[in-house]
Amino acid sequence: MTFTSNEQQFLAEAGIGRLATVSPDGVVQNNPTSYRVNADGTIDIGGMRMRASRKYRNVEAGSRVSFVVDQQVSLEPYVIRGIEVRGTAEALDDQEPPFPPQERAVIRIRPEKVISWGIDGGSFDFTSRGAK
């Protein structure tokens, strides 16, 4: 699945997102993360101690993921925009991270569903595509 040109531009400018994973015993974890959108539409999540992180271990154990990048553009008028990506992920070792000082391990997200708001229209114009 690929992103629209407006979604690509938003993701390139936003800079930080939040990745939600689930542990094998059902505990949800959500953390702010850096990221990179790859040419094939996958998203790489990096970190300073990625291999030791709970999110990496959750993905190794088979967790599906949800990744959100959003912004509050203004309060008056109230304007928001963002993207949620749902899909599968894999924990990869010896990979170039989004930012060079980070550990050479990433979580690679393969989008199955993309929900966006305020990207191709007004703040409350939602679009959704992919698996139901």
N, C-alpha and C. Protein backbone atom coordinates (compact mmCIF):
# COMPACT_ATOMS: atom_id res chain seq x y z
N MET A 1 0.85 -1.18 0.00
CA MET A 1 0.00 0.00 0.00
C MET A 1 0.90 1.23 0.00
N THR A 2 0.55 2.21 -0.83
CA THR A 2 1.33 3.44 -0.89
C THR A 2 0.54 4.60 -0.31
N PHE A 3 1.23 5.67 -0.03
CA PHE A 3 0.61 6.87 0.51
C PHE A 3 0.32 7.85 -0.63
N THR A 4 -0.71 8.67 -0.45
CA THR A 4 -1.00 9.71 -1.44
C THR A 4 0.13 10.75 -1.38
N SER A 5 0.22 11.59 -2.37
CA SER A 5 1.27 12.62 -2.35
C SER A 5 1.11 13.56 -1.17
N ASN A 6 -0.13 13.91 -0.81
CA ASN A 6 -0.35 14.77 0.36
C ASN A 6 0.06 14.06 1.66
N GLU A 7 -0.23 12.76 1.76
CA GLU A 7 0.18 12.00 2.94
C GLU A 7 1.71 11.90 3.01
N GLN A 8 2.36 11.67 1.87
CA GLN A 8 3.82 11.61 1.84
C GLN A 8 4.43 12.92 2.31
N GLN A 9 3.88 14.02 1.84
CA GLN A 9 4.40 15.34 2.24
C GLN A 9 4.20 15.55 3.74
N PHE A 10 3.02 15.22 4.25
CA PHE A 10 2.75 15.35 5.68
C PHE A 10 3.73 14.52 6.50
N LEU A 11 3.92 13.25 6.13
CA LEU A 11 4.82 12.37 6.87
C LEU A 11 6.26 12.86 6.81
N ALA A 12 6.66 13.45 5.70
CA ALA A 12 8.02 13.98 5.57
C ALA A 12 8.24 15.19 6.48
N GLU A 13 7.20 15.96 6.74
CA GLU A 13 7.31 17.18 7.54
C GLU A 13 7.07 16.98 9.03
N ALA A 14 6.25 16.00 9.41
CA ALA A 14 5.78 15.87 10.79
C ALA A 14 6.89 15.48 11.78
N GLY A 15 7.69 14.48 11.45
CA GLY A 15 8.87 14.17 12.25
C GLY A 15 8.77 13.19 13.40
N ILE A 16 7.64 13.08 14.06
CA ILE A 16 7.55 12.14 15.19
C ILE A 16 6.16 11.50 15.19
N GLY A 17 6.13 10.23 15.54
CA GLY A 17 4.86 9.51 15.61
C GLY A 17 4.81 8.68 16.87
N ARG A 18 3.73 7.92 17.02
CA ARG A 18 3.56 7.05 18.18
C ARG A 18 3.21 5.65 17.68
N LEU A 19 3.99 4.68 18.16
CA LEU A 19 3.81 3.30 17.76
C LEU A 19 3.16 2.51 18.89
N ALA A 20 2.05 1.86 18.60
CA ALA A 20 1.37 1.00 19.57
C ALA A 20 1.60 -0.46 19.19
N THR A 21 2.01 -1.25 20.19
CA THR A 21 2.19 -2.69 20.03
C THR A 21 1.49 -3.38 21.20
N VAL A 22 1.36 -4.71 21.10
CA VAL A 22 0.73 -5.50 22.15
C VAL A 22 1.67 -6.64 22.53
N SER A 23 1.90 -6.81 23.82
CA SER A 23 2.77 -7.89 24.29
C SER A 23 2.03 -9.23 24.19
N PRO A 24 2.77 -10.34 24.27
CA PRO A 24 2.12 -11.65 24.22
C PRO A 24 1.06 -11.86 25.30
N ASP A 25 1.20 -11.17 26.46
CA ASP A 25 0.20 -11.32 27.51
C ASP A 25 -0.89 -10.25 27.44
N GLY A 26 -0.95 -9.50 26.31
CA GLY A 26 -2.06 -8.59 26.06
C GLY A 26 -1.89 -7.16 26.54
N VAL A 27 -0.71 -6.79 27.02
CA VAL A 27 -0.48 -5.43 27.50
C VAL A 27 -0.14 -4.52 26.32
N VAL A 28 -0.91 -3.44 26.18
CA VAL A 28 -0.69 -2.48 25.10
C VAL A 28 0.41 -1.52 25.51
N GLN A 29 1.29 -1.22 24.56
CA GLN A 29 2.36 -0.25 24.80
C GLN A 29 2.34 0.76 23.67
N ASN A 30 2.52 2.04 23.98
CA ASN A 30 2.50 3.10 22.99
C ASN A 30 3.62 4.08 23.31
N ASN A 31 4.49 4.33 22.33
CA ASN A 31 5.64 5.21 22.55
C ASN A 31 5.84 6.18 21.40
N PRO A 32 6.33 7.40 21.71
CA PRO A 32 6.74 8.30 20.62
C PRO A 32 7.99 7.74 19.96
N THR A 33 8.08 7.87 18.65
CA THR A 33 9.22 7.32 17.91
C THR A 33 9.57 8.19 16.71
N SER A 34 10.81 8.08 16.31
CA SER A 34 11.23 8.64 15.03
C SER A 34 10.87 7.61 13.96
N TYR A 35 10.87 8.04 12.71
CA TYR A 35 10.49 7.11 11.64
C TYR A 35 11.04 7.60 10.31
N ARG A 36 10.98 6.68 9.35
CA ARG A 36 11.32 7.00 7.97
C ARG A 36 10.33 6.26 7.08
N VAL A 37 9.80 6.96 6.08
CA VAL A 37 8.93 6.32 5.09
C VAL A 37 9.82 5.90 3.93
N ASN A 38 9.78 4.62 3.59
CA ASN A 38 10.60 4.08 2.51
C ASN A 38 9.87 4.19 1.18
N ALA A 39 10.62 4.11 0.10
CA ALA A 39 10.06 4.25 -1.25
C ALA A 39 8.96 3.22 -1.54
N ASP A 40 9.03 2.05 -0.91
CA ASP A 40 8.02 1.01 -1.16
C ASP A 40 6.77 1.17 -0.29
N GLY A 41 6.70 2.24 0.51
CA GLY A 41 5.52 2.48 1.34
C GLY A 41 5.61 1.90 2.74
N THR A 42 6.69 1.16 3.04
CA THR A 42 6.87 0.67 4.40
C THR A 42 7.40 1.81 5.26
N ILE A 43 7.29 1.66 6.56
CA ILE A 43 7.77 2.67 7.51
C ILE A 43 8.75 2.00 8.45
N ASP A 44 9.93 2.59 8.62
CA ASP A 44 10.92 2.09 9.56
C ASP A 44 10.91 2.94 10.82
N ILE A 45 10.86 2.27 11.96
CA ILE A 45 10.88 2.90 13.27
C ILE A 45 12.26 2.64 13.86
N GLY A 46 12.92 3.69 14.36
CA GLY A 46 14.25 3.54 14.93
C GLY A 46 14.28 3.93 16.40
N GLY A 47 15.43 3.69 17.02
CA GLY A 47 15.61 4.06 18.42
C GLY A 47 17.04 3.85 18.86
N MET A 48 17.39 4.47 19.97
CA MET A 48 18.76 4.41 20.49
C MET A 48 19.10 3.01 21.04
N ARG A 49 18.17 2.36 21.69
CA ARG A 49 18.36 1.01 22.24
C ARG A 49 17.22 0.13 21.76
N MET A 50 17.07 0.08 20.46
CA MET A 50 15.91 -0.58 19.85
C MET A 50 15.78 -2.05 20.25
N ARG A 51 16.86 -2.82 20.16
CA ARG A 51 16.76 -4.27 20.44
C ARG A 51 16.28 -4.56 21.86
N ALA A 52 16.57 -3.67 22.79
CA ALA A 52 16.18 -3.88 24.19
C ALA A 52 14.79 -3.33 24.50
N SER A 53 14.18 -2.67 23.54
CA SER A 53 12.89 -2.02 23.80
C SER A 53 11.74 -3.02 23.81
N ARG A 54 10.73 -2.68 24.58
CA ARG A 54 9.53 -3.52 24.65
C ARG A 54 8.85 -3.59 23.29
N LYS A 55 8.80 -2.46 22.58
CA LYS A 55 8.12 -2.45 21.27
C LYS A 55 8.80 -3.42 20.30
N TYR A 56 10.13 -3.47 20.32
CA TYR A 56 10.87 -4.39 19.44
C TYR A 56 10.56 -5.84 19.82
N ARG A 57 10.59 -6.13 21.13
CA ARG A 57 10.30 -7.49 21.60
C ARG A 57 8.85 -7.88 21.29
N ASN A 58 7.91 -6.92 21.43
CA ASN A 58 6.52 -7.22 21.10
C ASN A 58 6.37 -7.58 19.63
N VAL A 59 7.05 -6.82 18.75
CA VAL A 59 6.98 -7.11 17.32
C VAL A 59 7.64 -8.45 17.03
N GLU A 60 8.77 -8.74 17.66
CA GLU A 60 9.42 -10.05 17.48
C GLU A 60 8.46 -11.18 17.84
N ALA A 61 7.60 -10.95 18.84
CA ALA A 61 6.66 -11.97 19.30
C ALA A 61 5.40 -12.04 18.43
N GLY A 62 5.30 -11.17 17.42
CA GLY A 62 4.18 -11.26 16.49
C GLY A 62 3.12 -10.19 16.62
N SER A 63 3.37 -9.13 17.37
CA SER A 63 2.37 -8.08 17.54
C SER A 63 2.04 -7.38 16.23
N ARG A 64 0.77 -7.15 16.01
CA ARG A 64 0.35 -6.22 14.96
C ARG A 64 0.59 -4.82 15.52
N VAL A 65 0.55 -3.80 14.67
CA VAL A 65 0.87 -2.46 15.13
C VAL A 65 -0.12 -1.43 14.62
N SER A 66 -0.13 -0.31 15.31
CA SER A 66 -0.81 0.90 14.88
C SER A 66 0.17 2.04 15.07
N PHE A 67 0.33 2.85 14.03
CA PHE A 67 1.28 3.96 14.07
C PHE A 67 0.54 5.24 13.72
N VAL A 68 0.63 6.25 14.60
CA VAL A 68 -0.09 7.52 14.40
C VAL A 68 0.90 8.67 14.35
N VAL A 69 0.69 9.54 13.36
CA VAL A 69 1.42 10.80 13.26
C VAL A 69 0.34 11.86 13.13
N ASP A 70 0.35 12.86 14.04
CA ASP A 70 -0.68 13.88 13.96
C ASP A 70 -0.14 15.23 14.40
N GLN A 71 -0.88 16.27 14.06
CA GLN A 71 -0.51 17.63 14.43
C GLN A 71 -1.75 18.44 14.74
N GLN A 72 -1.63 19.31 15.72
CA GLN A 72 -2.63 20.34 15.95
C GLN A 72 -2.09 21.57 15.24
N VAL A 73 -2.75 21.96 14.17
CA VAL A 73 -2.27 23.06 13.34
C VAL A 73 -2.59 24.40 14.00
N SER A 74 -3.81 24.53 14.54
CA SER A 74 -4.18 25.77 15.23
C SER A 74 -5.34 25.50 16.18
N LEU A 75 -5.51 26.43 17.14
CA LEU A 75 -6.64 26.35 18.08
C LEU A 75 -7.82 27.18 17.60
N GLU A 76 -7.56 28.34 17.01
CA GLU A 76 -8.62 29.24 16.52
C GLU A 76 -8.34 29.59 15.08
N PRO A 77 -8.96 28.96 14.14
CA PRO A 77 -9.92 27.87 14.30
C PRO A 77 -9.20 26.56 14.65
N TYR A 78 -9.96 25.64 15.20
CA TYR A 78 -9.41 24.35 15.59
C TYR A 78 -9.13 23.54 14.32
N VAL A 79 -7.85 23.27 14.06
CA VAL A 79 -7.45 22.53 12.87
C VAL A 79 -6.46 21.45 13.28
N ILE A 80 -6.80 20.22 12.91
CA ILE A 80 -5.92 19.08 13.17
C ILE A 80 -5.72 18.30 11.88
N ARG A 81 -4.65 17.52 11.84
CA ARG A 81 -4.43 16.62 10.71
C ARG A 81 -3.58 15.46 11.18
N GLY A 82 -3.72 14.33 10.51
CA GLY A 82 -2.92 13.19 10.92
C GLY A 82 -3.19 11.96 10.07
N ILE A 83 -2.42 10.93 10.39
CA ILE A 83 -2.50 9.64 9.69
C ILE A 83 -2.36 8.53 10.73
N GLU A 84 -3.20 7.52 10.61
CA GLU A 84 -3.02 6.28 11.36
C GLU A 84 -2.75 5.17 10.36
N VAL A 85 -1.71 4.39 10.63
CA VAL A 85 -1.34 3.25 9.79
C VAL A 85 -1.49 2.00 10.63
N ARG A 86 -2.29 1.05 10.16
CA ARG A 86 -2.44 -0.23 10.85
C ARG A 86 -1.84 -1.30 9.96
N GLY A 87 -1.19 -2.27 10.58
CA GLY A 87 -0.62 -3.33 9.77
C GLY A 87 0.23 -4.31 10.54
N THR A 88 1.03 -5.03 9.78
CA THR A 88 1.97 -5.98 10.35
C THR A 88 3.33 -5.31 10.46
N ALA A 89 4.19 -5.91 11.26
CA ALA A 89 5.53 -5.35 11.43
C ALA A 89 6.51 -6.48 11.65
N GLU A 90 7.77 -6.18 11.34
CA GLU A 90 8.82 -7.14 11.62
C GLU A 90 9.99 -6.42 12.28
N ALA A 91 10.65 -7.13 13.19
CA ALA A 91 11.83 -6.61 13.87
C ALA A 91 13.04 -7.04 13.06
N LEU A 92 13.79 -6.06 12.54
CA LEU A 92 14.92 -6.36 11.66
C LEU A 92 16.24 -5.90 12.29
N ASP A 93 17.22 -6.76 12.22
CA ASP A 93 18.54 -6.46 12.76
C ASP A 93 19.46 -6.01 11.63
N ASP A 94 20.52 -5.28 11.96
CA ASP A 94 21.54 -4.80 11.02
C ASP A 94 20.92 -4.03 9.86
N GLN A 95 20.07 -3.07 10.20
CA GLN A 95 19.42 -2.21 9.21
C GLN A 95 19.79 -0.76 9.48
N GLU A 96 19.85 0.03 8.44
CA GLU A 96 20.13 1.46 8.59
C GLU A 96 18.95 2.12 9.30
N PRO A 97 19.17 2.77 10.44
CA PRO A 97 18.06 3.40 11.17
C PRO A 97 17.65 4.72 10.51
N PRO A 98 16.50 5.27 10.90
CA PRO A 98 16.07 6.56 10.36
C PRO A 98 17.08 7.68 10.62
N PHE A 99 17.77 7.63 11.75
CA PHE A 99 18.78 8.64 12.08
C PHE A 99 20.06 7.93 12.51
N PRO A 100 21.22 8.31 11.96
CA PRO A 100 22.48 7.58 12.17
C PRO A 100 22.89 7.27 13.61
N PRO A 101 22.65 8.12 14.61
CA PRO A 101 23.12 7.71 15.94
C PRO A 101 22.32 6.55 16.54
N GLN A 102 21.19 6.21 15.93
CA GLN A 102 20.35 5.14 16.47
C GLN A 102 20.98 3.78 16.22
N GLU A 103 20.51 2.81 17.02
CA GLU A 103 20.98 1.43 16.88
C GLU A 103 20.59 0.88 15.51
N ARG A 104 21.42 -0.03 14.98
CA ARG A 104 21.18 -0.60 13.65
C ARG A 104 20.17 -1.74 13.72
N ALA A 105 18.99 -1.42 14.20
CA ALA A 105 17.86 -2.35 14.24
C ALA A 105 16.62 -1.49 14.07
N VAL A 106 15.65 -1.99 13.32
CA VAL A 106 14.43 -1.22 13.08
C VAL A 106 13.21 -2.12 13.19
N ILE A 107 12.09 -1.48 13.38
CA ILE A 107 10.80 -2.13 13.20
C ILE A 107 10.28 -1.64 11.86
N ARG A 108 9.98 -2.57 10.96
CA ARG A 108 9.46 -2.20 9.64
C ARG A 108 7.96 -2.50 9.60
N ILE A 109 7.18 -1.45 9.39
CA ILE A 109 5.72 -1.57 9.31
C ILE A 109 5.30 -1.74 7.86
N ARG A 110 4.44 -2.73 7.63
CA ARG A 110 3.84 -2.94 6.31
C ARG A 110 2.36 -2.55 6.42
N PRO A 111 2.03 -1.36 5.90
CA PRO A 111 0.65 -0.87 6.03
C PRO A 111 -0.37 -1.77 5.36
N GLU A 112 -1.47 -2.00 6.07
CA GLU A 112 -2.62 -2.72 5.52
C GLU A 112 -3.84 -1.81 5.45
N LYS A 113 -3.87 -0.81 6.33
CA LYS A 113 -4.97 0.15 6.35
C LYS A 113 -4.40 1.51 6.69
N VAL A 114 -4.84 2.53 5.97
CA VAL A 114 -4.41 3.91 6.23
C VAL A 114 -5.65 4.76 6.43
N ILE A 115 -5.68 5.47 7.54
CA ILE A 115 -6.77 6.40 7.86
C ILE A 115 -6.13 7.77 8.00
N SER A 116 -6.65 8.76 7.29
CA SER A 116 -6.08 10.10 7.43
C SER A 116 -7.19 11.12 7.64
N TRP A 117 -6.83 12.23 8.26
CA TRP A 117 -7.78 13.32 8.49
C TRP A 117 -7.04 14.64 8.33
N GLY A 118 -7.72 15.59 7.71
CA GLY A 118 -7.14 16.91 7.53
C GLY A 118 -5.99 16.95 6.53
N ILE A 119 -5.78 15.89 5.80
CA ILE A 119 -4.67 15.83 4.85
C ILE A 119 -5.14 16.24 3.46
N ASP A 120 -6.22 15.68 3.02
CA ASP A 120 -6.76 15.97 1.68
C ASP A 120 -8.00 16.86 1.73
N GLY A 121 -8.33 17.35 2.93
CA GLY A 121 -9.50 18.20 3.09
C GLY A 121 -9.46 18.89 4.43
N GLY A 122 -10.62 19.18 4.99
CA GLY A 122 -10.70 19.85 6.29
C GLY A 122 -10.34 18.92 7.43
N SER A 123 -10.22 19.50 8.63
CA SER A 123 -9.79 18.75 9.82
C SER A 123 -10.62 17.51 10.09
N PHE A 124 -11.88 17.55 9.76
CA PHE A 124 -12.75 16.44 10.10
C PHE A 124 -13.17 15.65 8.87
N ASP A 125 -12.39 15.80 7.79
CA ASP A 125 -12.58 15.00 6.58
C ASP A 125 -11.67 13.79 6.69
N PHE A 126 -12.28 12.63 6.97
CA PHE A 126 -11.52 11.40 7.14
C PHE A 126 -11.53 10.61 5.84
N THR A 127 -10.42 9.98 5.53
CA THR A 127 -10.36 9.01 4.43
C THR A 127 -9.81 7.73 5.00
N SER A 128 -10.22 6.61 4.42
CA SER A 128 -9.77 5.31 4.88
C SER A 128 -9.67 4.39 3.67
N ARG A 129 -8.57 3.64 3.62
CA ARG A 129 -8.42 2.66 2.55
C ARG A 129 -7.61 1.48 3.05
N GLY A 130 -7.81 0.35 2.41
CA GLY A 130 -7.11 -0.87 2.81
C GLY A 130 -8.08 -1.85 3.41
N ALA A 131 -7.56 -2.80 4.16
CA ALA A 131 -8.36 -3.84 4.79
C ALA A 131 -9.41 -3.24 5.71
N LYS A 132 -10.54 -3.84 5.77
CA LYS A 132 -11.64 -3.35 6.62
C LYS A 132 -11.45 -3.76 8.05
